[in-house]
Amino acid sequence: MPGRDYMGIPREKIPWRPTVDPDKCIGCGECLSTCPNEVYVMNEELGRVEVVNPGNCVVMCDKCAEFCEQGAISFPDVRETKKLLLKLAKELEDARRSG
């Protein structure tokens, strides 16, 4: 969803999104049931879930991965993402102060 932001940071600058391992996904749909943000869609042809709206994923939310019994869903490193968020927030604040 273009135009969304997190802590004032444009969402598209934040690389927080799930990745589904197609070799592990069995198409159970637990992630579809867990995530209310239409991040996933079931690919009926392939019998597995795919990420179709990564920008809809709530930053730092990884509940869907906890419900995936196959371990097919992964996310970027939390610590690295927090570091990036702090850096981007500081840049945003610096820009506001100077402009």
C-alpha atoms as a PDB file:
ATOM      1  CA  MET A   1       0.000   0.000   0.000  1.00  0.00           C
ATOM      2  CA  PRO A   2       1.870   3.073  -1.179  1.00  0.00           C
ATOM      3  CA  GLY A   3       1.644   6.048   1.115  1.00  0.00           C
ATOM      4  CA  ARG A   4       1.710   4.051   4.336  1.00  0.00           C
ATOM      5  CA  ASP A   5       4.356   4.710   6.902  1.00  0.00           C
ATOM      6  CA  TYR A   6       5.762   3.315  10.126  1.00  0.00           C
ATOM      7  CA  MET A   7       6.970   5.779  12.771  1.00  0.00           C
ATOM      8  CA  GLY A   8       6.889   8.406  10.037  1.00  0.00           C
ATOM      9  CA  ILE A   9       9.145   6.298   7.799  1.00  0.00           C
ATOM     10  CA  PRO A  10       7.729   5.456   4.358  1.00  0.00           C
ATOM     11  CA  ARG A  11       6.828   1.765   4.427  1.00  0.00           C
ATOM     12  CA  GLU A  12       8.582   1.088   1.138  1.00  0.00           C
ATOM     13  CA  LYS A  13      11.935   1.966   2.770  1.00  0.00           C
ATOM     14  CA  ILE A  14      11.509  -0.793   5.347  1.00  0.00           C
ATOM     15  CA  PRO A  15      12.418  -4.261   4.033  1.00  0.00           C
ATOM     16  CA  TRP A  16      10.236  -6.113   6.557  1.00  0.00           C
ATOM     17  CA  ARG A  17       8.342  -8.771   4.642  1.00  0.00           C
ATOM     18  CA  PRO A  18       7.850 -12.515   4.799  1.00  0.00           C
ATOM     19  CA  THR A  19       9.476 -15.037   2.524  1.00  0.00           C
ATOM     20  CA  VAL A  20       7.809 -18.382   1.887  1.00  0.00           C
ATOM     21  CA  ASP A  21      10.058 -21.348   1.163  1.00  0.00           C
ATOM     22  CA  PRO A  22       8.227 -23.168  -1.658  1.00  0.00           C
ATOM     23  CA  ASP A  23       9.949 -26.431  -0.751  1.00  0.00           C
ATOM     24  CA  LYS A  24       8.544 -26.349   2.787  1.00  0.00           C
ATOM     25  CA  CYS A  25       5.077 -24.860   2.233  1.00  0.00           C
ATOM     26  CA  ILE A  26       2.377 -27.537   2.125  1.00  0.00           C
ATOM     27  CA  GLY A  27      -0.488 -25.118   1.487  1.00  0.00           C
ATOM     28  CA  CYS A  28      -2.175 -25.572   4.853  1.00  0.00           C
ATOM     29  CA  GLY A  29      -3.312 -21.930   4.873  1.00  0.00           C
ATOM     30  CA  GLU A  30      -2.495 -21.187   8.518  1.00  0.00           C
ATOM     31  CA  CYS A  31      -0.726 -17.985   7.469  1.00  0.00           C
ATOM     32  CA  LEU A  32      -3.813 -16.914   5.525  1.00  0.00           C
ATOM     33  CA  SER A  33      -5.912 -17.402   8.648  1.00  0.00           C
ATOM     34  CA  THR A  34      -3.396 -15.633  10.879  1.00  0.00           C
ATOM     35  CA  CYS A  35      -2.655 -12.568   8.744  1.00  0.00           C
ATOM     36  CA  PRO A  36      -5.587 -10.163   8.267  1.00  0.00           C
ATOM     37  CA  ASN A  37      -3.629  -7.900   5.882  1.00  0.00           C
ATOM     38  CA  GLU A  38      -3.870  -9.832   2.614  1.00  0.00           C
ATOM     39  CA  VAL A  39      -0.110 -10.365   2.463  1.00  0.00           C
ATOM     40  CA  TYR A  40      -0.586 -13.927   1.207  1.00  0.00           C
ATOM     41  CA  VAL A  41      -2.643 -15.688  -1.410  1.00  0.00           C
ATOM     42  CA  MET A  42      -3.126 -19.394  -1.996  1.00  0.00           C
ATOM     43  CA  ASN A  43      -1.791 -20.468  -5.368  1.00  0.00           C
ATOM     44  CA  GLU A  44      -4.253 -23.258  -6.076  1.00  0.00           C
ATOM     45  CA  GLU A  45      -2.274 -24.482  -9.092  1.00  0.00           C
ATOM     46  CA  LEU A  46       0.896 -24.982  -7.079  1.00  0.00           C
ATOM     47  CA  GLY A  47      -0.849 -25.924  -3.830  1.00  0.00           C
ATOM     48  CA  ARG A  48       1.088 -23.427  -1.742  1.00  0.00           C
ATOM     49  CA  VAL A  49       0.947 -19.917  -0.385  1.00  0.00           C
ATOM     50  CA  GLU A  50       2.701 -16.984  -2.002  1.00  0.00           C
ATOM     51  CA  VAL A  51       3.471 -13.462  -0.808  1.00  0.00           C
ATOM     52  CA  VAL A  52       1.562 -11.028  -3.025  1.00  0.00           C
ATOM     53  CA  ASN A  53       1.371  -7.852  -0.928  1.00  0.00           C
ATOM     54  CA  PRO A  54       4.629  -7.640   1.060  1.00  0.00           C
ATOM     55  CA  GLY A  55       4.087  -3.941   1.825  1.00  0.00           C
ATOM     56  CA  ASN A  56       0.905  -4.843   3.713  1.00  0.00           C
ATOM     57  CA  CYS A  57       2.940  -6.757   6.290  1.00  0.00           C
ATOM     58  CA  VAL A  58       2.978  -4.948   9.632  1.00  0.00           C
ATOM     59  CA  VAL A  59       6.539  -3.978  10.487  1.00  0.00           C
ATOM     60  CA  MET A  60       7.995  -6.307  13.153  1.00  0.00           C
ATOM     61  CA  CYS A  61       4.971  -8.638  13.072  1.00  0.00           C
ATOM     62  CA  ASP A  62       5.906 -12.276  12.492  1.00  0.00           C
ATOM     63  CA  LYS A  63       2.921 -14.104  13.998  1.00  0.00           C
ATOM     64  CA  CYS A  64       2.228 -16.002  10.783  1.00  0.00           C
ATOM     65  CA  ALA A  65       5.657 -17.637  11.004  1.00  0.00           C
ATOM     66  CA  GLU A  66       4.840 -18.878  14.513  1.00  0.00           C
ATOM     67  CA  PHE A  67       1.748 -20.636  13.180  1.00  0.00           C
ATOM     68  CA  CYS A  68       3.548 -22.286  10.259  1.00  0.00           C
ATOM     69  CA  GLU A  69       4.252 -25.801  11.485  1.00  0.00           C
ATOM     70  CA  GLN A  70       6.446 -26.467   8.436  1.00  0.00           C
ATOM     71  CA  GLY A  71       8.750 -23.518   9.158  1.00  0.00           C
ATOM     72  CA  ALA A  72       8.185 -22.257   5.629  1.00  0.00           C
ATOM     73  CA  ILE A  73       7.906 -18.567   6.546  1.00  0.00           C
ATOM     74  CA  SER A  74      10.895 -16.424   7.417  1.00  0.00           C
ATOM     75  CA  PHE A  75      11.520 -12.739   8.018  1.00  0.00           C
ATOM     76  CA  PRO A  76      14.535 -10.441   7.951  1.00  0.00           C
ATOM     77  CA  ASP A  77      16.727 -10.332  11.058  1.00  0.00           C
ATOM     78  CA  VAL A  78      14.901  -8.452  13.845  1.00  0.00           C
ATOM     79  CA  ARG A  79      18.030  -6.795  15.255  1.00  0.00           C
ATOM     80  CA  GLU A  80      19.142  -5.563  11.852  1.00  0.00           C
ATOM     81  CA  THR A  81      15.657  -4.270  11.130  1.00  0.00           C
ATOM     82  CA  LYS A  82      15.580  -2.385  14.444  1.00  0.00           C
ATOM     83  CA  LYS A  83      18.964  -0.823  13.640  1.00  0.00           C
ATOM     84  CA  LEU A  84      17.660   0.264  10.241  1.00  0.00           C
ATOM     85  CA  LEU A  85      14.493   1.709  11.790  1.00  0.00           C
ATOM     86  CA  LEU A  86      16.545   3.757  14.241  1.00  0.00           C
ATOM     87  CA  LYS A  87      18.777   5.013  11.430  1.00  0.00           C
ATOM     88  CA  LEU A  88      15.823   5.937   9.213  1.00  0.00           C
ATOM     89  CA  ALA A  89      14.000   7.632  12.114  1.00  0.00           C
ATOM     90  CA  LYS A  90      17.122   9.690  12.892  1.00  0.00           C
ATOM     91  CA  GLU A  91      17.474  10.691   9.240  1.00  0.00           C
ATOM     92  CA  LEU A  92      13.818  11.717   9.189  1.00  0.00           C
ATOM     93  CA  GLU A  93      14.212  13.786  12.359  1.00  0.00           C
ATOM     94  CA  ASP A  94      17.386  15.431  11.053  1.00  0.00           C
ATOM     95  CA  ALA A  95      15.603  16.312   7.817  1.00  0.00           C
ATOM     96  CA  ARG A  96      12.686  17.841   9.742  1.00  0.00           C
ATOM     97  CA  ARG A  97      15.034  19.930  11.873  1.00  0.00           C
ATOM     98  CA  SER A  98      17.002  21.244   8.924  1.00  0.00           C
ATOM     99  CA  GLY A  99      14.085  21.820   6.616  1.00  0.00           C
END
